[in-house]
Amino acid sequence: MSSSVVMPIAVITGGSAGIGFELACRACENGYRPLLIARHPDALSAAADQLRTRYRIDPLLWSADLADAQERQQLIERLQTIATDIEMAVLCAGIGFGGALHENTWEAEHQVLQVNLVGLVQLSQIFCQWFAQAQRGTLLNVASLAGFQPGPYFANYYASKAYVLHFTEALALEMRPYGVQVSVLCPGTTGTGFHQKAGIDKTELARGLFGIVMTPEAVSRIALRELSRKRVVIVPGLLNQLAAWSVRWVPRSWVRAITGWMNAQPALAAVKNG
């Protein structure tokens, strides 16, 4: 399909790789022209080449660091110029740094808060304003299975995803009278390279529950299917759904102990158990 055809736009942050890129693929398959937003121009260009080859769609590419307040404001001003063409927004950008909080730098943890919370809330508000005015639109925020429980040795990230989960559930009810679909995607361990970037690739968490690691493609297909069914909280995978449900009934001390074991680096786990 040629980009000269008028197509609704799907804005996707973190769209150059992983789940974000696969959601861009699903957007193409569903008649949207993706607008990919990510930090690195080279990664954006590589993602665009794949989309052009697969779908004959020329995506829009905007580079922005969502941890930077000034760049976020500039991004919003650019988005304003095409606001009437935007019918879907997927806020998938997210970062995390493993390790005990007191051992990490404040700069790193502040960056997590800026991207995972401040940037997501700021963009969610803008898109909800536009969608409410248009009486249509879809907002998909990407949280994590981590959002259902505390996460020792990955505390800030887990807490940020709990915020995204509860925040988005609330938005879903607020936006319902305007005909706007708001959902939150909560994937479990997914093969995206995220755990390596976060410095936790040697943990039990990175290996997945019972060794199950979903593919970004599978996660994205489930996300689009459940969006079409108007599901608000989307947890891909039966085992992940069971895990999300079970934390309601397991003693909190057990939950902390289990997630702490899963998130601890092998050397740290050996010290704790030694």
C-alpha atoms as a PDB file:
ATOM      1  CA  MET A   1       0.000   0.000   0.000  1.00  0.00           C
ATOM      2  CA  SER A   2       1.373   3.396  -0.870  1.00  0.00           C
ATOM      3  CA  SER A   3       1.849   6.083   1.757  1.00  0.00           C
ATOM      4  CA  SER A   4       0.187   8.525  -0.710  1.00  0.00           C
ATOM      5  CA  VAL A   5      -3.145   6.968   0.254  1.00  0.00           C
ATOM      6  CA  VAL A   6      -4.709   8.806   3.186  1.00  0.00           C
ATOM      7  CA  MET A   7      -4.252   6.500   6.169  1.00  0.00           C
ATOM      8  CA  PRO A   8      -4.921   6.983   9.865  1.00  0.00           C
ATOM      9  CA  ILE A   9      -1.736   7.297  11.890  1.00  0.00           C
ATOM     10  CA  ALA A  10      -0.669   5.022  14.742  1.00  0.00           C
ATOM     11  CA  VAL A  11       1.913   6.709  16.974  1.00  0.00           C
ATOM     12  CA  ILE A  12       4.237   4.160  18.590  1.00  0.00           C
ATOM     13  CA  THR A  13       6.899   5.149  21.104  1.00  0.00           C
ATOM     14  CA  GLY A  14       9.715   2.650  21.444  1.00  0.00           C
ATOM     15  CA  GLY A  15       8.722   1.535  17.962  1.00  0.00           C
ATOM     16  CA  SER A  16      12.144   0.762  16.520  1.00  0.00           C
ATOM     17  CA  ALA A  17      12.568  -2.676  18.120  1.00  0.00           C
ATOM     18  CA  GLY A  18      11.010  -5.413  20.228  1.00  0.00           C
ATOM     19  CA  ILE A  19       7.333  -5.289  21.119  1.00  0.00           C
ATOM     20  CA  GLY A  20       7.030  -1.735  19.816  1.00  0.00           C
ATOM     21  CA  PHE A  21       8.256  -2.712  16.370  1.00  0.00           C
ATOM     22  CA  GLU A  22       5.942  -5.726  16.220  1.00  0.00           C
ATOM     23  CA  LEU A  23       3.019  -3.521  17.222  1.00  0.00           C
ATOM     24  CA  ALA A  24       4.007  -1.272  14.314  1.00  0.00           C
ATOM     25  CA  CYS A  25       3.784  -4.323  12.051  1.00  0.00           C
ATOM     26  CA  ARG A  26       0.310  -5.108  13.377  1.00  0.00           C
ATOM     27  CA  ALA A  27      -0.665  -1.475  12.820  1.00  0.00           C
ATOM     28  CA  CYS A  28       0.366  -1.762   9.169  1.00  0.00           C
ATOM     29  CA  GLU A  29      -1.668  -4.940   8.809  1.00  0.00           C
ATOM     30  CA  ASN A  30      -4.704  -3.135  10.209  1.00  0.00           C
ATOM     31  CA  GLY A  31      -4.576  -0.172   7.859  1.00  0.00           C
ATOM     32  CA  TYR A  32      -2.558   2.337   9.870  1.00  0.00           C
ATOM     33  CA  ARG A  33       0.504   4.305   8.887  1.00  0.00           C
ATOM     34  CA  PRO A  34       2.912   3.990  11.823  1.00  0.00           C
ATOM     35  CA  LEU A  35       4.762   6.943  13.275  1.00  0.00           C
ATOM     36  CA  LEU A  36       7.749   5.438  15.049  1.00  0.00           C
ATOM     37  CA  ILE A  37       9.339   7.368  17.907  1.00  0.00           C
ATOM     38  CA  ALA A  38      12.650   6.286  19.421  1.00  0.00           C
ATOM     39  CA  ARG A  39      15.971   7.739  20.527  1.00  0.00           C
ATOM     40  CA  HIS A  40      18.314   6.371  17.883  1.00  0.00           C
ATOM     41  CA  PRO A  41      17.921   7.459  14.227  1.00  0.00           C
ATOM     42  CA  ASP A  42      19.830   4.420  12.941  1.00  0.00           C
ATOM     43  CA  ALA A  43      17.450   2.016  14.680  1.00  0.00           C
ATOM     44  CA  LEU A  44      14.475   3.939  13.324  1.00  0.00           C
ATOM     45  CA  SER A  45      15.845   3.757   9.780  1.00  0.00           C
ATOM     46  CA  ALA A  46      16.420   0.010  10.057  1.00  0.00           C
ATOM     47  CA  ALA A  47      12.883  -0.525  11.347  1.00  0.00           C
ATOM     48  CA  ALA A  48      11.469   1.609   8.542  1.00  0.00           C
ATOM     49  CA  ASP A  49      13.310  -0.445   5.917  1.00  0.00           C
ATOM     50  CA  GLN A  50      11.687  -3.612   7.249  1.00  0.00           C
ATOM     51  CA  LEU A  51       8.211  -2.070   7.243  1.00  0.00           C
ATOM     52  CA  ARG A  52       8.613  -0.789   3.685  1.00  0.00           C
ATOM     53  CA  THR A  53       9.745  -4.215   2.502  1.00  0.00           C
ATOM     54  CA  ARG A  54       6.982  -6.140   4.269  1.00  0.00           C
ATOM     55  CA  TYR A  55       4.020  -3.815   3.845  1.00  0.00           C
ATOM     56  CA  ARG A  56       4.924  -1.242   1.180  1.00  0.00           C
ATOM     57  CA  ILE A  57       4.106   1.465   3.703  1.00  0.00           C
ATOM     58  CA  ASP A  58       6.415   4.396   4.326  1.00  0.00           C
ATOM     59  CA  PRO A  59       6.356   5.045   8.087  1.00  0.00           C
ATOM     60  CA  LEU A  60       6.965   8.383   9.719  1.00  0.00           C
ATOM     61  CA  LEU A  61      10.161   8.468  11.800  1.00  0.00           C
ATOM     62  CA  TRP A  62      10.717  10.911  14.649  1.00  0.00           C
ATOM     63  CA  SER A  63      13.729  10.777  16.945  1.00  0.00           C
ATOM     64  CA  ALA A  64      13.170  11.894  20.538  1.00  0.00           C
ATOM     65  CA  ASP A  65      14.550  11.145  23.991  1.00  0.00           C
ATOM     66  CA  LEU A  66      11.488  10.775  26.204  1.00  0.00           C
ATOM     67  CA  ALA A  67      13.637  11.168  29.318  1.00  0.00           C
ATOM     68  CA  ASP A  68      14.235  14.800  28.334  1.00  0.00           C
ATOM     69  CA  ALA A  69      11.402  17.202  29.234  1.00  0.00           C
ATOM     70  CA  GLN A  70      12.320  19.673  26.504  1.00  0.00           C
ATOM     71  CA  GLU A  71      12.374  16.978  23.830  1.00  0.00           C
ATOM     72  CA  ARG A  72       8.998  15.678  25.027  1.00  0.00           C
ATOM     73  CA  GLN A  73       7.502  19.141  24.682  1.00  0.00           C
ATOM     74  CA  GLN A  74       8.957  19.528  21.200  1.00  0.00           C
ATOM     75  CA  LEU A  75       7.531  16.119  20.302  1.00  0.00           C
ATOM     76  CA  ILE A  76       4.063  17.133  21.497  1.00  0.00           C
ATOM     77  CA  GLU A  77       4.234  20.316  19.440  1.00  0.00           C
ATOM     78  CA  ARG A  78       5.093  18.263  16.346  1.00  0.00           C
ATOM     79  CA  LEU A  79       2.316  15.781  17.070  1.00  0.00           C
ATOM     80  CA  GLN A  80      -0.137  18.666  17.345  1.00  0.00           C
ATOM     81  CA  THR A  81       0.358  19.396  13.629  1.00  0.00           C
ATOM     82  CA  ILE A  82      -1.029  15.960  12.693  1.00  0.00           C
ATOM     83  CA  ALA A  83      -3.365  15.417  15.655  1.00  0.00           C
ATOM     84  CA  THR A  84      -6.493  15.033  13.530  1.00  0.00           C
ATOM     85  CA  ASP A  85      -4.893  12.135  11.607  1.00  0.00           C
ATOM     86  CA  ILE A  86      -3.875  10.168  14.717  1.00  0.00           C
ATOM     87  CA  GLU A  87      -6.314   7.373  15.581  1.00  0.00           C
ATOM     88  CA  MET A  88      -4.084   5.130  17.682  1.00  0.00           C
ATOM     89  CA  ALA A  89      -1.318   5.766  20.204  1.00  0.00           C
ATOM     90  CA  VAL A  90       0.888   3.014  21.607  1.00  0.00           C
ATOM     91  CA  LEU A  91       3.154   4.116  24.459  1.00  0.00           C
ATOM     92  CA  CYS A  92       5.696   1.318  24.533  1.00  0.00           C
ATOM     93  CA  ALA A  93       8.914   3.156  25.421  1.00  0.00           C
ATOM     94  CA  GLY A  94      10.293   1.989  28.738  1.00  0.00           C
ATOM     95  CA  ILE A  95      13.603   1.459  30.516  1.00  0.00           C
ATOM     96  CA  GLY A  96      14.864  -0.200  33.676  1.00  0.00           C
ATOM     97  CA  PHE A  97      18.071  -0.808  35.606  1.00  0.00           C
ATOM     98  CA  GLY A  98      18.535  -3.937  37.670  1.00  0.00           C
ATOM     99  CA  GLY A  99      20.227  -4.108  41.041  1.00  0.00           C
ATOM    100  CA  ALA A 100      19.565  -2.892  44.561  1.00  0.00           C
ATOM    101  CA  LEU A 101      18.353   0.702  44.630  1.00  0.00           C
ATOM    102  CA  HIS A 102      21.130   1.951  46.910  1.00  0.00           C
ATOM    103  CA  GLU A 103      23.759   0.627  44.501  1.00  0.00           C
ATOM    104  CA  ASN A 104      22.369   2.383  41.423  1.00  0.00           C
ATOM    105  CA  THR A 105      22.899   6.011  40.468  1.00  0.00           C
ATOM    106  CA  TRP A 106      20.157   8.580  40.942  1.00  0.00           C
ATOM    107  CA  GLU A 107      20.638   9.628  37.312  1.00  0.00           C
ATOM    108  CA  ALA A 108      19.680   6.132  36.159  1.00  0.00           C
ATOM    109  CA  GLU A 109      16.655   5.851  38.444  1.00  0.00           C
ATOM    110  CA  HIS A 110      15.495   9.366  37.560  1.00  0.00           C
ATOM    111  CA  GLN A 111      15.636   8.402  33.891  1.00  0.00           C
ATOM    112  CA  VAL A 112      13.332   5.455  34.613  1.00  0.00           C
ATOM    113  CA  LEU A 113      10.824   7.794  36.237  1.00  0.00           C
ATOM    114  CA  GLN A 114      10.976  10.283  33.372  1.00  0.00           C
ATOM    115  CA  VAL A 115      10.408   7.694  30.632  1.00  0.00           C
ATOM    116  CA  ASN A 116       8.155   5.148  32.334  1.00  0.00           C
ATOM    117  CA  LEU A 117       6.003   7.587  34.307  1.00  0.00           C
ATOM    118  CA  VAL A 118       6.282  11.289  33.503  1.00  0.00           C
ATOM    119  CA  GLY A 119       6.587  10.856  29.744  1.00  0.00           C
ATOM    120  CA  LEU A 120       3.842   8.256  29.586  1.00  0.00           C
ATOM    121  CA  VAL A 121       1.412  10.325  31.667  1.00  0.00           C
ATOM    122  CA  GLN A 122       2.163  13.495  29.711  1.00  0.00           C
ATOM    123  CA  LEU A 123       1.597  11.813  26.359  1.00  0.00           C
ATOM    124  CA  SER A 124      -1.451   9.910  27.626  1.00  0.00           C
ATOM    125  CA  GLN A 125      -3.063  13.178  28.673  1.00  0.00           C
ATOM    126  CA  ILE A 126      -2.404  14.789  25.292  1.00  0.00           C
ATOM    127  CA  PHE A 127      -3.751  11.827  23.321  1.00  0.00           C
ATOM    128  CA  CYS A 128      -6.814  11.543  25.564  1.00  0.00           C
ATOM    129  CA  GLN A 129      -7.563  15.229  25.006  1.00  0.00           C
ATOM    130  CA  TRP A 130      -7.342  14.822  21.239  1.00  0.00           C
ATOM    131  CA  PHE A 131      -9.272  11.555  21.177  1.00  0.00           C
ATOM    132  CA  ALA A 132     -12.026  12.906  23.440  1.00  0.00           C
ATOM    133  CA  GLN A 133     -12.477  15.869  21.138  1.00  0.00           C
ATOM    134  CA  ALA A 134     -12.635  13.557  18.104  1.00  0.00           C
ATOM    135  CA  GLN A 135     -14.935  11.074  19.908  1.00  0.00           C
ATOM    136  CA  ARG A 136     -12.751   8.186  18.745  1.00  0.00           C
ATOM    137  CA  GLY A 137      -9.293   6.704  19.123  1.00  0.00           C
ATOM    138  CA  THR A 138      -7.307   3.943  20.799  1.00  0.00           C
ATOM    139  CA  LEU A 139      -4.645   4.328  23.485  1.00  0.00           C
ATOM    140  CA  LEU A 140      -2.532   1.299  24.388  1.00  0.00           C
ATOM    141  CA  ASN A 141      -0.070   1.752  27.239  1.00  0.00           C
ATOM    142  CA  VAL A 142       2.545  -0.943  27.735  1.00  0.00           C
ATOM    143  CA  ALA A 143       3.121  -1.960  31.347  1.00  0.00           C
ATOM    144  CA  SER A 144       4.405  -5.397  32.364  1.00  0.00           C
ATOM    145  CA  LEU A 145       3.553  -8.494  34.339  1.00  0.00           C
ATOM    146  CA  ALA A 146       5.942  -6.868  36.821  1.00  0.00           C
ATOM    147  CA  GLY A 147       3.201  -4.365  37.605  1.00  0.00           C
ATOM    148  CA  PHE A 148       1.234  -6.938  39.599  1.00  0.00           C
ATOM    149  CA  GLN A 149       3.818  -7.326  42.379  1.00  0.00           C
ATOM    150  CA  PRO A 150       6.810  -5.684  44.092  1.00  0.00           C
ATOM    151  CA  GLY A 151      10.212  -6.440  42.591  1.00  0.00           C
ATOM    152  CA  PRO A 152      13.264  -6.454  44.854  1.00  0.00           C
ATOM    153  CA  TYR A 153      16.497  -5.740  42.916  1.00  0.00           C
ATOM    154  CA  PHE A 154      14.383  -4.105  40.186  1.00  0.00           C
ATOM    155  CA  ALA A 155      12.255  -2.021  42.529  1.00  0.00           C
ATOM    156  CA  ASN A 156      11.837   1.217  40.594  1.00  0.00           C
ATOM    157  CA  TYR A 157      10.965  -0.552  37.347  1.00  0.00           C
ATOM    158  CA  TYR A 158       8.363  -2.823  38.967  1.00  0.00           C
ATOM    159  CA  ALA A 159       6.798   0.111  40.795  1.00  0.00           C
ATOM    160  CA  SER A 160       6.693   2.170  37.604  1.00  0.00           C
ATOM    161  CA  LYS A 161       4.814  -0.592  35.811  1.00  0.00           C
ATOM    162  CA  ALA A 162       2.340  -0.909  38.690  1.00  0.00           C
ATOM    163  CA  TYR A 163       1.666   2.797  38.248  1.00  0.00           C
ATOM    164  CA  VAL A 164       1.132   2.377  34.504  1.00  0.00           C
ATOM    165  CA  LEU A 165      -1.260  -0.529  35.098  1.00  0.00           C
ATOM    166  CA  HIS A 166      -3.456   1.288  37.607  1.00  0.00           C
ATOM    167  CA  PHE A 167      -3.236   4.634  35.815  1.00  0.00           C
ATOM    168  CA  THR A 168      -4.368   3.126  32.520  1.00  0.00           C
ATOM    169  CA  GLU A 169      -7.194   1.137  34.085  1.00  0.00           C
ATOM    170  CA  ALA A 170      -8.527   4.397  35.500  1.00  0.00           C
ATOM    171  CA  LEU A 171      -8.213   6.145  32.132  1.00  0.00           C
ATOM    172  CA  ALA A 172     -10.204   3.358  30.483  1.00  0.00           C
ATOM    173  CA  LEU A 173     -13.255   4.257  32.555  1.00  0.00           C
ATOM    174  CA  GLU A 174     -12.744   8.004  32.164  1.00  0.00           C
ATOM    175  CA  MET A 175     -12.558   7.783  28.377  1.00  0.00           C
ATOM    176  CA  ARG A 176     -15.405   5.312  27.820  1.00  0.00           C
ATOM    177  CA  PRO A 177     -18.103   8.027  27.455  1.00  0.00           C
ATOM    178  CA  TYR A 178     -16.102   9.540  24.583  1.00  0.00           C
ATOM    179  CA  GLY A 179     -15.909   6.334  22.561  1.00  0.00           C
ATOM    180  CA  VAL A 180     -12.169   6.000  23.196  1.00  0.00           C
ATOM    181  CA  GLN A 181     -10.645   2.561  23.791  1.00  0.00           C
ATOM    182  CA  VAL A 182      -7.924   2.572  26.471  1.00  0.00           C
ATOM    183  CA  SER A 183      -6.058  -0.628  27.322  1.00  0.00           C
ATOM    184  CA  VAL A 184      -2.874  -1.684  29.075  1.00  0.00           C
ATOM    185  CA  LEU A 185      -0.596  -4.465  27.839  1.00  0.00           C
ATOM    186  CA  CYS A 186       1.191  -6.472  30.543  1.00  0.00           C
ATOM    187  CA  PRO A 187       3.626  -8.909  28.903  1.00  0.00           C
ATOM    188  CA  GLY A 188       5.734 -11.336  30.865  1.00  0.00           C
ATOM    189  CA  THR A 189       9.285 -12.240  29.899  1.00  0.00           C
ATOM    190  CA  THR A 190       9.666 -11.535  26.183  1.00  0.00           C
ATOM    191  CA  GLY A 191      12.645 -12.055  23.894  1.00  0.00           C
ATOM    192  CA  THR A 192      13.473  -8.427  23.163  1.00  0.00           C
ATOM    193  CA  GLY A 193      16.959  -7.870  24.574  1.00  0.00           C
ATOM    194  CA  PHE A 194      15.475  -5.744  27.365  1.00  0.00           C
ATOM    195  CA  HIS A 195      16.938  -7.839  30.171  1.00  0.00           C
ATOM    196  CA  GLN A 196      20.445  -7.559  28.749  1.00  0.00           C
ATOM    197  CA  LYS A 197      20.142  -3.769  28.485  1.00  0.00           C
ATOM    198  CA  ALA A 198      18.839  -3.633  32.050  1.00  0.00           C
ATOM    199  CA  GLY A 199      21.775  -5.713  33.278  1.00  0.00           C
ATOM    200  CA  ILE A 200      19.636  -8.630  34.474  1.00  0.00           C
ATOM    201  CA  ASP A 201      20.116 -11.122  31.646  1.00  0.00           C
ATOM    202  CA  LYS A 202      21.596 -13.754  34.000  1.00  0.00           C
ATOM    203  CA  THR A 203      18.607 -13.786  36.336  1.00  0.00           C
ATOM    204  CA  GLU A 204      15.767 -16.269  36.666  1.00  0.00           C
ATOM    205  CA  LEU A 205      13.453 -13.487  35.483  1.00  0.00           C
ATOM    206  CA  ALA A 206      15.223 -13.321  32.127  1.00  0.00           C
ATOM    207  CA  ARG A 207      14.758 -17.076  31.687  1.00  0.00           C
ATOM    208  CA  GLY A 208      10.991 -16.703  32.034  1.00  0.00           C
ATOM    209  CA  LEU A 209       8.424 -18.540  34.122  1.00  0.00           C
ATOM    210  CA  PHE A 210       9.196 -22.255  33.729  1.00  0.00           C
ATOM    211  CA  GLY A 211      11.594 -21.285  30.939  1.00  0.00           C
ATOM    212  CA  ILE A 212       8.855 -19.776  28.769  1.00  0.00           C
ATOM    213  CA  VAL A 213       9.880 -16.648  26.875  1.00  0.00           C
ATOM    214  CA  MET A 214       7.288 -15.246  24.484  1.00  0.00           C
ATOM    215  CA  THR A 215       8.214 -13.669  21.169  1.00  0.00           C
ATOM    216  CA  PRO A 216       7.451  -9.989  20.520  1.00  0.00           C
ATOM    217  CA  GLU A 217       5.352 -11.045  17.529  1.00  0.00           C
ATOM    218  CA  ALA A 218       3.165 -13.325  19.648  1.00  0.00           C
ATOM    219  CA  VAL A 219       2.709 -10.596  22.260  1.00  0.00           C
ATOM    220  CA  SER A 220       1.738  -8.045  19.611  1.00  0.00           C
ATOM    221  CA  ARG A 221      -0.796 -10.336  17.935  1.00  0.00           C
ATOM    222  CA  ILE A 222      -2.486 -11.079  21.244  1.00  0.00           C
ATOM    223  CA  ALA A 223      -2.506  -7.360  22.036  1.00  0.00           C
ATOM    224  CA  LEU A 224      -4.310  -6.449  18.801  1.00  0.00           C
ATOM    225  CA  ARG A 225      -6.758  -9.332  19.175  1.00  0.00           C
ATOM    226  CA  GLU A 226      -7.695  -8.314  22.708  1.00  0.00           C
ATOM    227  CA  LEU A 227      -7.906  -4.648  21.732  1.00  0.00           C
ATOM    228  CA  SER A 228     -10.534  -5.619  19.170  1.00  0.00           C
ATOM    229  CA  ARG A 229     -12.440  -7.314  21.999  1.00  0.00           C
ATOM    230  CA  LYS A 230     -12.309  -4.120  24.109  1.00  0.00           C
ATOM    231  CA  ARG A 231     -10.302  -5.807  26.856  1.00  0.00           C
ATOM    232  CA  VAL A 232      -8.785  -3.271  29.243  1.00  0.00           C
ATOM    233  CA  VAL A 233      -6.031  -5.339  30.905  1.00  0.00           C
ATOM    234  CA  ILE A 234      -4.214  -7.559  28.416  1.00  0.00           C
ATOM    235  CA  VAL A 235      -1.877 -10.239  29.804  1.00  0.00           C
ATOM    236  CA  PRO A 236      -0.472 -12.397  26.976  1.00  0.00           C
ATOM    237  CA  GLY A 237       0.025 -16.083  27.747  1.00  0.00           C
ATOM    238  CA  LEU A 238      -1.931 -18.444  29.983  1.00  0.00           C
ATOM    239  CA  LEU A 239       0.938 -18.899  32.458  1.00  0.00           C
ATOM    240  CA  ASN A 240       1.390 -15.141  32.751  1.00  0.00           C
ATOM    241  CA  GLN A 241      -2.346 -14.745  33.363  1.00  0.00           C
ATOM    242  CA  LEU A 242      -2.132 -17.344  36.117  1.00  0.00           C
ATOM    243  CA  ALA A 243       0.818 -15.518  37.678  1.00  0.00           C
ATOM    244  CA  ALA A 244      -1.029 -12.190  37.594  1.00  0.00           C
ATOM    245  CA  TRP A 245      -4.084 -13.772  39.222  1.00  0.00           C
ATOM    246  CA  SER A 246      -2.198 -15.785  41.838  1.00  0.00           C
ATOM    247  CA  VAL A 247      -0.463 -12.832  43.516  1.00  0.00           C
ATOM    248  CA  ARG A 248      -3.862 -11.791  44.900  1.00  0.00           C
ATOM    249  CA  TRP A 249      -4.029 -14.935  46.995  1.00  0.00           C
ATOM    250  CA  VAL A 250      -0.395 -15.620  47.921  1.00  0.00           C
ATOM    251  CA  PRO A 251       0.938 -13.976  51.124  1.00  0.00           C
ATOM    252  CA  ARG A 252       2.780 -10.739  50.327  1.00  0.00           C
ATOM    253  CA  SER A 253       5.916 -11.969  52.065  1.00  0.00           C
ATOM    254  CA  TRP A 254       5.998 -14.933  49.688  1.00  0.00           C
ATOM    255  CA  VAL A 255       5.523 -12.699  46.664  1.00  0.00           C
ATOM    256  CA  ARG A 256       8.451 -10.498  47.724  1.00  0.00           C
ATOM    257  CA  ALA A 257      10.644 -13.518  48.340  1.00  0.00           C
ATOM    258  CA  ILE A 258       9.831 -15.115  44.983  1.00  0.00           C
ATOM    259  CA  THR A 259      10.344 -11.971  42.911  1.00  0.00           C
ATOM    260  CA  GLY A 260      13.505 -11.163  44.857  1.00  0.00           C
ATOM    261  CA  TRP A 261      14.873 -14.600  43.998  1.00  0.00           C
ATOM    262  CA  MET A 262      13.914 -14.203  40.345  1.00  0.00           C
ATOM    263  CA  ASN A 263      15.478 -10.751  40.026  1.00  0.00           C
ATOM    264  CA  ALA A 264      18.706 -11.331  41.944  1.00  0.00           C
ATOM    265  CA  GLN A 265      21.909 -11.709  39.970  1.00  0.00           C
ATOM    266  CA  PRO A 266      23.503 -15.175  40.445  1.00  0.00           C
ATOM    267  CA  ALA A 267      26.432 -13.771  42.449  1.00  0.00           C
ATOM    268  CA  LEU A 268      24.078 -11.881  44.763  1.00  0.00           C
ATOM    269  CA  ALA A 269      21.840 -14.914  45.159  1.00  0.00           C
ATOM    270  CA  ALA A 270      24.874 -16.992  46.144  1.00  0.00           C
ATOM    271  CA  VAL A 271      25.821 -14.454  48.810  1.00  0.00           C
ATOM    272  CA  LYS A 272      22.271 -14.344  50.173  1.00  0.00           C
ATOM    273  CA  ASN A 273      22.089 -18.131  50.318  1.00  0.00           C
ATOM    274  CA  GLY A 274      25.649 -18.678  51.523  1.00  0.00           C
END
